[in-house]
Amino acid sequence: MMGPRRVTLAMTGASGAQYGLRLLDCLVQEDREVHFLISKAAQLVLATETDVLLPPKPQAMQQFLTEYTGAAAGQVRVYGKEDWMSSVASGSGAPSAMVVVPCSTGTLSAIATGACNSLIERAADVVLKERRQLVIVPREAPYSSIHLENMLKLSNMGAVILPASPGFYHQPQSIEDLVDFVVARILNILQIPQDMLPRWGEHHQADWNE
């Protein structure tokens, strides 16, 4: 199996809830175990930007997402904001990779300063201290100097900063195509197989061989 077997996926209160939902679906389809975290602000954004209404309680949310993605029992695990006994809160049990998508600038700041005031912040702190893979997907425009300084700080710590900036060289025909572009880039970073977006040069090579 290429890439991590277990992935922590956190959604926070920036625009771009579709990215998080699509990544969750892709991870499930690639048979990964997903530890799912979502802030209250992200739940509000999700309800605003999509027709998905998540139950407020972690257990009910876990059941909902399991059915929504067609996951196997136990494949998607949902934790509450202060579930400090969860595996993602400790380096001895946390997954080897974490993606925060979308990442609000508030969460970006908290992770960069090691605030650990919520399980999302603590899980990211664990990934950094254990030298594991952290992918941050900020969605803001324009960026202030504070945002850029926090991104640089996290990049220097080893995190990957992957802004939600869709490309157009694949000639997208729908919003879903734009979402898939960003999600495919995340999966590439995680080294998890995806067929949504050819790597640069592959489609040119195919045309040349015809």
N, C-alpha and C. Protein backbone atom coordinates (compact mmCIF):
# COMPACT_ATOMS: atom_id res chain seq x y z
N MET A 1 0.84 -1.19 0.00
CA MET A 1 0.00 0.00 0.00
C MET A 1 0.88 1.24 0.00
N MET A 2 0.66 2.10 -0.98
CA MET A 2 1.40 3.36 -1.04
C MET A 2 0.80 4.37 -0.08
N GLY A 3 1.66 5.20 0.53
CA GLY A 3 1.18 6.25 1.41
C GLY A 3 0.77 5.72 2.77
N PRO A 4 0.36 6.63 3.66
CA PRO A 4 0.00 6.24 5.03
C PRO A 4 -1.28 5.41 5.08
N ARG A 5 -1.31 4.45 5.99
CA ARG A 5 -2.51 3.62 6.17
C ARG A 5 -3.58 4.36 6.96
N ARG A 6 -3.13 5.23 7.88
CA ARG A 6 -4.05 6.00 8.71
C ARG A 6 -3.77 7.49 8.54
N VAL A 7 -4.81 8.28 8.38
CA VAL A 7 -4.67 9.72 8.15
C VAL A 7 -5.62 10.47 9.06
N THR A 8 -5.11 11.52 9.70
CA THR A 8 -5.98 12.43 10.44
C THR A 8 -6.43 13.53 9.49
N LEU A 9 -7.74 13.73 9.38
CA LEU A 9 -8.30 14.77 8.52
C LEU A 9 -9.05 15.76 9.41
N ALA A 10 -8.62 17.02 9.37
CA ALA A 10 -9.27 18.07 10.15
C ALA A 10 -9.85 19.11 9.23
N MET A 11 -11.09 19.52 9.50
CA MET A 11 -11.74 20.59 8.75
C MET A 11 -11.98 21.75 9.71
N THR A 12 -11.56 22.96 9.31
CA THR A 12 -11.76 24.13 10.15
C THR A 12 -12.57 25.18 9.39
N GLY A 13 -12.77 26.34 10.01
CA GLY A 13 -13.79 27.27 9.55
C GLY A 13 -13.46 28.21 8.42
N ALA A 14 -12.64 27.81 7.48
CA ALA A 14 -12.43 28.61 6.26
C ALA A 14 -13.37 28.12 5.18
N SER A 15 -13.57 28.94 4.15
CA SER A 15 -14.35 28.49 3.01
C SER A 15 -13.61 27.35 2.31
N GLY A 16 -14.38 26.46 1.68
CA GLY A 16 -13.76 25.33 0.99
C GLY A 16 -14.08 24.00 1.63
N ALA A 17 -15.28 23.89 2.23
CA ALA A 17 -15.66 22.63 2.86
C ALA A 17 -15.67 21.47 1.87
N GLN A 18 -15.91 21.78 0.60
CA GLN A 18 -15.96 20.73 -0.43
C GLN A 18 -14.63 19.99 -0.53
N TYR A 19 -13.53 20.69 -0.29
CA TYR A 19 -12.22 20.04 -0.35
C TYR A 19 -12.11 18.95 0.72
N GLY A 20 -12.54 19.27 1.93
CA GLY A 20 -12.46 18.30 3.01
C GLY A 20 -13.34 17.10 2.77
N LEU A 21 -14.57 17.33 2.32
CA LEU A 21 -15.49 16.23 2.05
C LEU A 21 -14.96 15.32 0.94
N ARG A 22 -14.44 15.94 -0.11
CA ARG A 22 -13.94 15.14 -1.23
C ARG A 22 -12.71 14.33 -0.83
N LEU A 23 -11.84 14.93 -0.03
CA LEU A 23 -10.67 14.19 0.44
C LEU A 23 -11.09 13.02 1.31
N LEU A 24 -12.06 13.24 2.18
CA LEU A 24 -12.57 12.15 3.02
C LEU A 24 -13.04 11.00 2.15
N ASP A 25 -13.81 11.31 1.14
CA ASP A 25 -14.34 10.27 0.24
C ASP A 25 -13.20 9.52 -0.45
N CYS A 26 -12.20 10.26 -0.93
CA CYS A 26 -11.07 9.63 -1.63
C CYS A 26 -10.27 8.73 -0.69
N LEU A 27 -10.06 9.17 0.52
CA LEU A 27 -9.31 8.36 1.48
C LEU A 27 -10.04 7.06 1.80
N VAL A 28 -11.35 7.16 1.94
CA VAL A 28 -12.15 5.97 2.20
C VAL A 28 -12.07 5.02 1.01
N GLN A 29 -12.19 5.55 -0.19
CA GLN A 29 -12.15 4.70 -1.39
C GLN A 29 -10.78 4.04 -1.56
N GLU A 30 -9.74 4.69 -1.04
CA GLU A 30 -8.40 4.10 -1.11
C GLU A 30 -8.09 3.24 0.12
N ASP A 31 -9.15 2.91 0.86
CA ASP A 31 -9.06 1.97 1.98
C ASP A 31 -8.15 2.46 3.10
N ARG A 32 -8.19 3.78 3.37
CA ARG A 32 -7.42 4.34 4.48
C ARG A 32 -8.32 4.49 5.70
N GLU A 33 -7.73 4.37 6.86
CA GLU A 33 -8.43 4.65 8.11
C GLU A 33 -8.35 6.15 8.36
N VAL A 34 -9.48 6.79 8.56
CA VAL A 34 -9.52 8.25 8.69
C VAL A 34 -9.96 8.64 10.09
N HIS A 35 -9.14 9.45 10.75
CA HIS A 35 -9.49 10.02 12.05
C HIS A 35 -9.96 11.45 11.77
N PHE A 36 -11.24 11.68 11.94
CA PHE A 36 -11.89 12.90 11.48
C PHE A 36 -12.14 13.88 12.61
N LEU A 37 -11.70 15.13 12.40
CA LEU A 37 -11.89 16.21 13.36
C LEU A 37 -12.52 17.39 12.65
N ILE A 38 -13.47 18.06 13.28
CA ILE A 38 -14.10 19.21 12.65
C ILE A 38 -14.47 20.23 13.71
N SER A 39 -14.18 21.48 13.44
CA SER A 39 -14.50 22.55 14.37
C SER A 39 -15.96 22.96 14.21
N LYS A 40 -16.49 23.68 15.20
CA LYS A 40 -17.87 24.17 15.10
C LYS A 40 -18.01 25.15 13.94
N ALA A 41 -17.00 25.98 13.75
CA ALA A 41 -17.05 26.92 12.63
C ALA A 41 -17.08 26.19 11.30
N ALA A 42 -16.34 25.09 11.21
CA ALA A 42 -16.33 24.30 9.97
C ALA A 42 -17.69 23.67 9.71
N GLN A 43 -18.38 23.27 10.76
CA GLN A 43 -19.72 22.70 10.58
C GLN A 43 -20.67 23.75 10.02
N LEU A 44 -20.52 24.98 10.48
CA LEU A 44 -21.34 26.08 9.98
C LEU A 44 -21.03 26.35 8.51
N VAL A 45 -19.75 26.38 8.17
CA VAL A 45 -19.35 26.60 6.77
C VAL A 45 -19.87 25.47 5.89
N LEU A 46 -19.76 24.25 6.39
CA LEU A 46 -20.21 23.08 5.63
C LEU A 46 -21.70 23.18 5.31
N ALA A 47 -22.49 23.60 6.30
CA ALA A 47 -23.93 23.74 6.10
C ALA A 47 -24.24 24.88 5.14
N THR A 48 -23.37 25.89 5.09
CA THR A 48 -23.56 27.04 4.21
C THR A 48 -23.18 26.72 2.77
N GLU A 49 -22.09 25.98 2.58
CA GLU A 49 -21.54 25.76 1.24
C GLU A 49 -22.03 24.48 0.57
N THR A 50 -22.59 23.56 1.34
CA THR A 50 -23.05 22.29 0.78
C THR A 50 -24.43 21.95 1.33
N ASP A 51 -24.96 20.84 0.88
CA ASP A 51 -26.24 20.38 1.40
C ASP A 51 -26.05 19.30 2.46
N VAL A 52 -24.84 19.18 2.99
CA VAL A 52 -24.52 18.18 4.01
C VAL A 52 -24.73 18.79 5.39
N LEU A 53 -25.59 18.18 6.18
CA LEU A 53 -25.85 18.63 7.54
C LEU A 53 -25.36 17.55 8.50
N LEU A 54 -24.22 17.79 9.13
CA LEU A 54 -23.65 16.80 10.03
C LEU A 54 -24.35 16.82 11.38
N PRO A 55 -24.59 15.67 11.97
CA PRO A 55 -25.11 15.63 13.34
C PRO A 55 -24.08 16.26 14.28
N PRO A 56 -24.50 16.89 15.36
CA PRO A 56 -23.57 17.60 16.23
C PRO A 56 -22.69 16.69 17.10
N LYS A 57 -23.17 15.51 17.45
CA LYS A 57 -22.43 14.63 18.36
C LYS A 57 -21.48 13.72 17.58
N PRO A 58 -20.27 13.51 18.11
CA PRO A 58 -19.27 12.69 17.40
C PRO A 58 -19.76 11.31 16.99
N GLN A 59 -20.46 10.61 17.87
CA GLN A 59 -20.88 9.25 17.54
C GLN A 59 -21.88 9.24 16.39
N ALA A 60 -22.84 10.17 16.44
CA ALA A 60 -23.82 10.25 15.36
C ALA A 60 -23.16 10.72 14.07
N MET A 61 -22.19 11.64 14.19
CA MET A 61 -21.46 12.12 13.02
C MET A 61 -20.66 10.98 12.38
N GLN A 62 -20.07 10.16 13.20
CA GLN A 62 -19.30 9.02 12.70
C GLN A 62 -20.19 8.08 11.90
N GLN A 63 -21.37 7.80 12.42
CA GLN A 63 -22.31 6.93 11.71
C GLN A 63 -22.74 7.56 10.39
N PHE A 64 -23.01 8.86 10.43
CA PHE A 64 -23.43 9.58 9.23
C PHE A 64 -22.34 9.52 8.16
N LEU A 65 -21.09 9.83 8.53
CA LEU A 65 -20.00 9.87 7.56
C LEU A 65 -19.65 8.47 7.04
N THR A 66 -19.83 7.47 7.88
CA THR A 66 -19.62 6.09 7.44
C THR A 66 -20.59 5.74 6.32
N GLU A 67 -21.85 6.11 6.52
CA GLU A 67 -22.86 5.84 5.49
C GLU A 67 -22.68 6.75 4.28
N TYR A 68 -22.32 7.99 4.51
CA TYR A 68 -22.15 8.98 3.43
C TYR A 68 -21.04 8.57 2.46
N THR A 69 -19.96 8.03 2.99
CA THR A 69 -18.81 7.66 2.16
C THR A 69 -18.79 6.20 1.76
N GLY A 70 -19.70 5.40 2.34
CA GLY A 70 -19.67 3.98 2.07
C GLY A 70 -18.50 3.28 2.74
N ALA A 71 -18.04 3.84 3.85
CA ALA A 71 -16.89 3.28 4.57
C ALA A 71 -17.26 2.00 5.31
N ALA A 72 -16.25 1.20 5.58
CA ALA A 72 -16.46 0.02 6.40
C ALA A 72 -16.62 0.45 7.86
N ALA A 73 -17.19 -0.42 8.64
CA ALA A 73 -17.37 -0.12 10.06
C ALA A 73 -16.01 0.15 10.72
N GLY A 74 -15.91 1.28 11.40
CA GLY A 74 -14.66 1.63 12.08
C GLY A 74 -13.62 2.29 11.20
N GLN A 75 -13.89 2.41 9.90
CA GLN A 75 -12.90 3.02 9.00
C GLN A 75 -12.80 4.52 9.22
N VAL A 76 -13.93 5.17 9.51
CA VAL A 76 -13.95 6.60 9.82
C VAL A 76 -14.22 6.75 11.31
N ARG A 77 -13.32 7.45 12.00
CA ARG A 77 -13.46 7.67 13.43
C ARG A 77 -13.55 9.16 13.69
N VAL A 78 -14.59 9.57 14.39
CA VAL A 78 -14.82 10.98 14.66
C VAL A 78 -14.56 11.27 16.13
N TYR A 79 -13.83 12.36 16.40
CA TYR A 79 -13.52 12.75 17.77
C TYR A 79 -14.03 14.16 18.04
N GLY A 80 -14.40 14.39 19.28
CA GLY A 80 -14.87 15.70 19.69
C GLY A 80 -13.74 16.67 19.94
N LYS A 81 -14.09 17.95 20.14
CA LYS A 81 -13.12 19.03 20.28
C LYS A 81 -12.16 18.81 21.43
N GLU A 82 -12.63 18.16 22.51
CA GLU A 82 -11.79 17.99 23.70
C GLU A 82 -11.65 16.52 24.08
N ASP A 83 -11.59 15.66 23.09
CA ASP A 83 -11.41 14.23 23.34
C ASP A 83 -9.92 13.94 23.50
N TRP A 84 -9.38 14.34 24.65
CA TRP A 84 -7.94 14.25 24.89
C TRP A 84 -7.43 12.82 25.02
N MET A 85 -8.35 11.85 25.16
CA MET A 85 -7.93 10.46 25.27
C MET A 85 -7.89 9.77 23.91
N SER A 86 -8.18 10.50 22.85
CA SER A 86 -8.16 9.90 21.52
C SER A 86 -6.73 9.65 21.06
N SER A 87 -6.56 8.75 20.10
CA SER A 87 -5.22 8.38 19.64
C SER A 87 -4.48 9.55 19.01
N VAL A 88 -5.21 10.48 18.39
CA VAL A 88 -4.54 11.59 17.70
C VAL A 88 -3.91 12.59 18.66
N ALA A 89 -4.23 12.47 19.95
CA ALA A 89 -3.70 13.41 20.95
C ALA A 89 -2.35 12.99 21.49
N SER A 90 -1.85 11.84 21.06
CA SER A 90 -0.57 11.34 21.59
C SER A 90 0.30 10.79 20.48
N GLY A 91 1.58 11.04 20.58
CA GLY A 91 2.52 10.54 19.59
C GLY A 91 2.60 9.03 19.54
N SER A 92 2.21 8.36 20.62
CA SER A 92 2.31 6.91 20.66
C SER A 92 1.22 6.22 19.85
N GLY A 93 0.16 6.96 19.49
CA GLY A 93 -0.93 6.31 18.77
C GLY A 93 -1.44 7.06 17.57
N ALA A 94 -0.91 8.26 17.31
CA ALA A 94 -1.43 9.10 16.22
C ALA A 94 -1.06 8.55 14.85
N PRO A 95 -1.90 8.80 13.85
CA PRO A 95 -1.56 8.44 12.46
C PRO A 95 -0.28 9.16 12.02
N SER A 96 0.33 8.64 10.97
CA SER A 96 1.61 9.19 10.51
C SER A 96 1.44 10.41 9.63
N ALA A 97 0.19 10.76 9.27
CA ALA A 97 -0.04 11.92 8.42
C ALA A 97 -1.31 12.64 8.86
N MET A 98 -1.31 13.97 8.68
CA MET A 98 -2.48 14.78 9.01
C MET A 98 -2.65 15.85 7.95
N VAL A 99 -3.91 16.08 7.57
CA VAL A 99 -4.24 17.14 6.62
C VAL A 99 -5.27 18.05 7.28
N VAL A 100 -5.03 19.35 7.25
CA VAL A 100 -6.00 20.33 7.72
C VAL A 100 -6.54 21.04 6.48
N VAL A 101 -7.79 20.71 6.11
CA VAL A 101 -8.37 21.23 4.87
C VAL A 101 -9.88 21.40 5.01
N PRO A 102 -10.39 22.61 4.83
CA PRO A 102 -9.63 23.85 4.70
C PRO A 102 -9.07 24.28 6.04
N CYS A 103 -8.01 25.05 6.01
CA CYS A 103 -7.39 25.54 7.23
C CYS A 103 -7.64 27.04 7.38
N SER A 104 -8.34 27.41 8.43
CA SER A 104 -8.58 28.83 8.69
C SER A 104 -7.29 29.49 9.15
N THR A 105 -7.23 30.80 9.02
CA THR A 105 -6.02 31.50 9.47
C THR A 105 -5.90 31.47 10.99
N GLY A 106 -7.04 31.34 11.68
CA GLY A 106 -6.98 31.20 13.13
C GLY A 106 -6.34 29.89 13.54
N THR A 107 -6.73 28.81 12.87
CA THR A 107 -6.12 27.50 13.14
C THR A 107 -4.65 27.51 12.74
N LEU A 108 -4.35 28.13 11.61
CA LEU A 108 -2.97 28.27 11.15
C LEU A 108 -2.11 28.91 12.24
N SER A 109 -2.61 29.99 12.82
CA SER A 109 -1.88 30.69 13.87
C SER A 109 -1.71 29.82 15.11
N ALA A 110 -2.79 29.13 15.50
CA ALA A 110 -2.73 28.29 16.70
C ALA A 110 -1.73 27.16 16.55
N ILE A 111 -1.70 26.53 15.37
CA ILE A 111 -0.74 25.45 15.14
C ILE A 111 0.69 25.98 15.14
N ALA A 112 0.88 27.13 14.50
CA ALA A 112 2.22 27.71 14.41
C ALA A 112 2.79 28.09 15.77
N THR A 113 1.90 28.42 16.72
CA THR A 113 2.37 28.83 18.05
C THR A 113 2.24 27.73 19.09
N GLY A 114 1.76 26.55 18.69
CA GLY A 114 1.64 25.44 19.63
C GLY A 114 0.57 25.65 20.68
N ALA A 115 -0.53 26.30 20.32
CA ALA A 115 -1.56 26.66 21.30
C ALA A 115 -2.22 25.44 21.95
N CYS A 116 -2.59 24.44 21.18
CA CYS A 116 -3.19 23.20 21.68
C CYS A 116 -4.44 23.42 22.52
N ASN A 117 -5.27 24.37 22.11
CA ASN A 117 -6.51 24.64 22.84
C ASN A 117 -7.68 23.77 22.38
N SER A 118 -7.48 23.00 21.34
CA SER A 118 -8.50 22.07 20.86
C SER A 118 -7.79 20.82 20.38
N LEU A 119 -8.58 19.77 20.12
CA LEU A 119 -7.96 18.52 19.67
C LEU A 119 -7.32 18.68 18.29
N ILE A 120 -7.91 19.52 17.44
CA ILE A 120 -7.29 19.78 16.13
C ILE A 120 -5.89 20.35 16.30
N GLU A 121 -5.78 21.35 17.16
CA GLU A 121 -4.47 21.99 17.39
C GLU A 121 -3.50 21.01 18.03
N ARG A 122 -3.98 20.22 18.98
CA ARG A 122 -3.11 19.24 19.64
C ARG A 122 -2.65 18.16 18.66
N ALA A 123 -3.57 17.69 17.82
CA ALA A 123 -3.21 16.65 16.85
C ALA A 123 -2.13 17.15 15.90
N ALA A 124 -2.25 18.40 15.45
CA ALA A 124 -1.23 18.97 14.58
C ALA A 124 0.09 19.13 15.32
N ASP A 125 0.02 19.52 16.58
CA ASP A 125 1.22 19.66 17.39
C ASP A 125 1.94 18.32 17.54
N VAL A 126 1.16 17.26 17.70
CA VAL A 126 1.73 15.91 17.81
C VAL A 126 2.46 15.53 16.53
N VAL A 127 1.82 15.79 15.40
CA VAL A 127 2.43 15.46 14.11
C VAL A 127 3.76 16.20 13.94
N LEU A 128 3.78 17.46 14.33
CA LEU A 128 5.02 18.24 14.21
C LEU A 128 6.11 17.72 15.15
N LYS A 129 5.76 17.49 16.39
CA LYS A 129 6.78 17.08 17.36
C LYS A 129 7.33 15.68 17.07
N GLU A 130 6.49 14.84 16.44
CA GLU A 130 6.93 13.49 16.10
C GLU A 130 7.57 13.41 14.72
N ARG A 131 7.71 14.59 14.07
CA ARG A 131 8.34 14.67 12.74
C ARG A 131 7.59 13.83 11.71
N ARG A 132 6.26 13.90 11.78
CA ARG A 132 5.43 13.19 10.82
C ARG A 132 4.92 14.18 9.76
N GLN A 133 4.06 13.73 8.89
CA GLN A 133 3.66 14.53 7.73
C GLN A 133 2.42 15.38 8.06
N LEU A 134 2.58 16.70 7.92
CA LEU A 134 1.48 17.64 8.14
C LEU A 134 1.27 18.46 6.88
N VAL A 135 0.05 18.42 6.35
CA VAL A 135 -0.30 19.19 5.16
C VAL A 135 -1.35 20.22 5.56
N ILE A 136 -1.04 21.47 5.34
CA ILE A 136 -1.92 22.58 5.68
C ILE A 136 -2.47 23.17 4.38
N VAL A 137 -3.80 23.27 4.28
CA VAL A 137 -4.43 23.80 3.07
C VAL A 137 -5.20 25.08 3.43
N PRO A 138 -4.50 26.22 3.45
CA PRO A 138 -5.18 27.48 3.79
C PRO A 138 -6.06 27.96 2.65
N ARG A 139 -7.13 28.66 3.00
CA ARG A 139 -8.03 29.21 1.98
C ARG A 139 -8.40 30.62 2.45
N GLU A 140 -7.65 31.57 1.97
CA GLU A 140 -7.85 32.97 2.35
C GLU A 140 -7.33 33.85 1.22
N ALA A 141 -7.87 35.05 1.10
CA ALA A 141 -7.36 35.98 0.08
C ALA A 141 -7.79 37.40 0.45
N PRO A 142 -6.84 38.32 0.45
CA PRO A 142 -5.39 38.10 0.32
C PRO A 142 -4.82 37.63 1.65
N TYR A 143 -3.56 37.22 1.63
CA TYR A 143 -2.87 36.85 2.86
C TYR A 143 -2.23 38.09 3.49
N SER A 144 -2.34 38.20 4.80
CA SER A 144 -1.65 39.28 5.50
C SER A 144 -0.23 38.82 5.84
N SER A 145 0.59 39.73 6.30
CA SER A 145 1.95 39.38 6.70
C SER A 145 1.93 38.37 7.84
N ILE A 146 0.93 38.48 8.72
CA ILE A 146 0.81 37.52 9.82
C ILE A 146 0.57 36.12 9.26
N HIS A 147 -0.34 35.99 8.31
CA HIS A 147 -0.62 34.69 7.71
C HIS A 147 0.64 34.12 7.05
N LEU A 148 1.32 34.94 6.30
CA LEU A 148 2.52 34.49 5.59
C LEU A 148 3.63 34.09 6.56
N GLU A 149 3.78 34.85 7.64
CA GLU A 149 4.79 34.52 8.64
C GLU A 149 4.47 33.18 9.31
N ASN A 150 3.19 32.94 9.59
CA ASN A 150 2.80 31.66 10.19
C ASN A 150 3.02 30.50 9.24
N MET A 151 2.74 30.71 7.95
CA MET A 151 2.99 29.67 6.96
C MET A 151 4.48 29.36 6.84
N LEU A 152 5.30 30.41 6.83
CA LEU A 152 6.74 30.21 6.75
C LEU A 152 7.25 29.47 7.98
N LYS A 153 6.72 29.84 9.14
CA LYS A 153 7.12 29.18 10.38
C LYS A 153 6.81 27.69 10.32
N LEU A 154 5.61 27.34 9.86
CA LEU A 154 5.23 25.93 9.78
C LEU A 154 6.02 25.21 8.69
N SER A 155 6.28 25.89 7.59
CA SER A 155 7.08 25.27 6.53
C SER A 155 8.48 24.94 7.04
N ASN A 156 9.04 25.85 7.83
CA ASN A 156 10.37 25.61 8.41
C ASN A 156 10.36 24.46 9.41
N MET A 157 9.19 24.15 9.95
CA MET A 157 9.06 23.02 10.88
C MET A 157 8.86 21.70 10.13
N GLY A 158 8.68 21.78 8.81
CA GLY A 158 8.52 20.57 8.02
C GLY A 158 7.13 20.35 7.46
N ALA A 159 6.18 21.24 7.79
CA ALA A 159 4.84 21.11 7.24
C ALA A 159 4.83 21.49 5.76
N VAL A 160 3.87 20.94 5.03
CA VAL A 160 3.67 21.31 3.63
C VAL A 160 2.51 22.29 3.58
N ILE A 161 2.75 23.45 3.01
CA ILE A 161 1.71 24.46 2.84
C ILE A 161 1.19 24.36 1.42
N LEU A 162 -0.06 23.96 1.28
CA LEU A 162 -0.65 23.72 -0.04
C LEU A 162 -1.92 24.57 -0.14
N PRO A 163 -1.80 25.82 -0.58
CA PRO A 163 -2.99 26.68 -0.68
C PRO A 163 -4.04 26.09 -1.61
N ALA A 164 -5.30 26.35 -1.29
CA ALA A 164 -6.39 25.88 -2.15
C ALA A 164 -6.47 26.76 -3.38
N SER A 165 -5.54 26.53 -4.31
CA SER A 165 -5.42 27.34 -5.53
C SER A 165 -5.52 26.41 -6.74
N PRO A 166 -6.72 26.16 -7.23
CA PRO A 166 -6.88 25.23 -8.35
C PRO A 166 -6.16 25.71 -9.60
N GLY A 167 -5.61 24.77 -10.34
CA GLY A 167 -5.01 25.07 -11.64
C GLY A 167 -6.04 24.90 -12.74
N PHE A 168 -5.68 25.30 -13.96
CA PHE A 168 -6.62 25.23 -15.07
C PHE A 168 -6.05 24.52 -16.29
N TYR A 169 -4.81 24.00 -16.19
CA TYR A 169 -4.23 23.36 -17.36
C TYR A 169 -4.92 22.04 -17.70
N HIS A 170 -5.72 21.49 -16.79
CA HIS A 170 -6.46 20.27 -17.10
C HIS A 170 -7.84 20.58 -17.69
N GLN A 171 -8.08 21.86 -17.98
CA GLN A 171 -9.32 22.32 -18.61
C GLN A 171 -10.56 21.87 -17.84
N PRO A 172 -10.72 22.36 -16.61
CA PRO A 172 -11.86 21.95 -15.79
C PRO A 172 -13.18 22.36 -16.42
N GLN A 173 -14.18 21.47 -16.29
CA GLN A 173 -15.49 21.70 -16.85
C GLN A 173 -16.55 21.97 -15.78
N SER A 174 -16.17 21.84 -14.52
CA SER A 174 -17.14 21.99 -13.43
C SER A 174 -16.43 22.40 -12.15
N ILE A 175 -17.22 22.80 -11.17
CA ILE A 175 -16.66 23.10 -9.85
C ILE A 175 -16.02 21.85 -9.27
N GLU A 176 -16.63 20.70 -9.52
CA GLU A 176 -16.07 19.44 -9.02
C GLU A 176 -14.66 19.21 -9.56
N ASP A 177 -14.42 19.59 -10.80
CA ASP A 177 -13.09 19.44 -11.39
C ASP A 177 -12.07 20.33 -10.67
N LEU A 178 -12.49 21.53 -10.26
CA LEU A 178 -11.60 22.44 -9.53
C LEU A 178 -11.30 21.89 -8.14
N VAL A 179 -12.32 21.34 -7.51
CA VAL A 179 -12.12 20.72 -6.19
C VAL A 179 -11.16 19.54 -6.31
N ASP A 180 -11.38 18.72 -7.34
CA ASP A 180 -10.54 17.53 -7.53
C ASP A 180 -9.08 17.90 -7.77
N PHE A 181 -8.84 19.04 -8.41
CA PHE A 181 -7.46 19.45 -8.65
C PHE A 181 -6.70 19.59 -7.33
N VAL A 182 -7.30 20.28 -6.36
CA VAL A 182 -6.65 20.50 -5.07
C VAL A 182 -6.53 19.19 -4.30
N VAL A 183 -7.61 18.41 -4.30
CA VAL A 183 -7.59 17.14 -3.57
C VAL A 183 -6.56 16.18 -4.16
N ALA A 184 -6.45 16.17 -5.47
CA ALA A 184 -5.44 15.32 -6.11
C ALA A 184 -4.03 15.72 -5.70
N ARG A 185 -3.79 17.02 -5.59
CA ARG A 185 -2.48 17.49 -5.15
C ARG A 185 -2.18 17.05 -3.72
N ILE A 186 -3.20 17.06 -2.87
CA ILE A 186 -3.03 16.58 -1.49
C ILE A 186 -2.67 15.11 -1.50
N LEU A 187 -3.40 14.32 -2.27
CA LEU A 187 -3.14 12.88 -2.34
C LEU A 187 -1.75 12.60 -2.90
N ASN A 188 -1.31 13.40 -3.86
CA ASN A 188 0.04 13.24 -4.39
C ASN A 188 1.09 13.47 -3.31
N ILE A 189 0.88 14.50 -2.49
CA ILE A 189 1.81 14.78 -1.39
C ILE A 189 1.86 13.61 -0.42
N LEU A 190 0.68 13.01 -0.16
CA LEU A 190 0.61 11.87 0.75
C LEU A 190 1.08 10.57 0.11
N GLN A 191 1.31 10.62 -1.21
CA GLN A 191 1.71 9.44 -1.99
C GLN A 191 0.63 8.37 -1.96
N ILE A 192 -0.62 8.83 -2.00
CA ILE A 192 -1.77 7.94 -2.09
C ILE A 192 -2.27 7.98 -3.53
N PRO A 193 -2.50 6.85 -4.16
CA PRO A 193 -2.90 6.83 -5.58
C PRO A 193 -4.18 7.63 -5.83
N GLN A 194 -4.20 8.31 -6.98
CA GLN A 194 -5.40 9.03 -7.41
C GLN A 194 -5.40 9.07 -8.93
N ASP A 195 -6.61 9.08 -9.50
CA ASP A 195 -6.73 9.14 -10.96
C ASP A 195 -7.55 10.35 -11.40
N MET A 196 -7.69 11.34 -10.53
CA MET A 196 -8.47 12.53 -10.86
C MET A 196 -7.70 13.52 -11.71
N LEU A 197 -6.38 13.52 -11.56
CA LEU A 197 -5.56 14.53 -12.22
C LEU A 197 -4.26 13.90 -12.69
N PRO A 198 -3.98 13.95 -13.99
CA PRO A 198 -2.70 13.41 -14.46
C PRO A 198 -1.56 14.29 -13.99
N ARG A 199 -0.44 13.67 -13.69
CA ARG A 199 0.74 14.45 -13.34
C ARG A 199 1.22 15.23 -14.56
N TRP A 200 1.84 16.37 -14.30
CA TRP A 200 2.26 17.24 -15.39
C TRP A 200 3.13 16.48 -16.39
N GLY A 201 2.76 16.56 -17.66
CA GLY A 201 3.52 15.89 -18.71
C GLY A 201 2.90 14.59 -19.16
N GLU A 202 2.09 13.95 -18.29
CA GLU A 202 1.53 12.65 -18.65
C GLU A 202 0.56 12.76 -19.83
N HIS A 203 -0.31 13.79 -19.82
CA HIS A 203 -1.27 13.91 -20.91
C HIS A 203 -0.58 14.31 -22.21
N HIS A 204 0.52 15.08 -22.10
CA HIS A 204 1.28 15.45 -23.30
C HIS A 204 1.96 14.21 -23.89
N GLN A 205 2.46 13.34 -23.00
CA GLN A 205 3.09 12.12 -23.46
C GLN A 205 2.09 11.22 -24.16
N ALA A 206 0.86 11.18 -23.59
CA ALA A 206 -0.19 10.35 -24.21
C ALA A 206 -0.52 10.86 -25.59
N ASP A 207 -0.63 12.20 -25.74
CA ASP A 207 -0.92 12.78 -27.06
C ASP A 207 0.19 12.46 -28.05
N TRP A 208 1.44 12.51 -27.57
CA TRP A 208 2.60 12.26 -28.44
C TRP A 208 2.62 10.83 -28.94
N ASN A 209 2.14 9.88 -28.09
CA ASN A 209 2.19 8.48 -28.45
C ASN A 209 1.03 8.06 -29.36
N GLU A 210 0.03 8.93 -29.52
CA GLU A 210 -1.10 8.57 -30.37
C GLU A 210 -0.74 8.67 -31.86
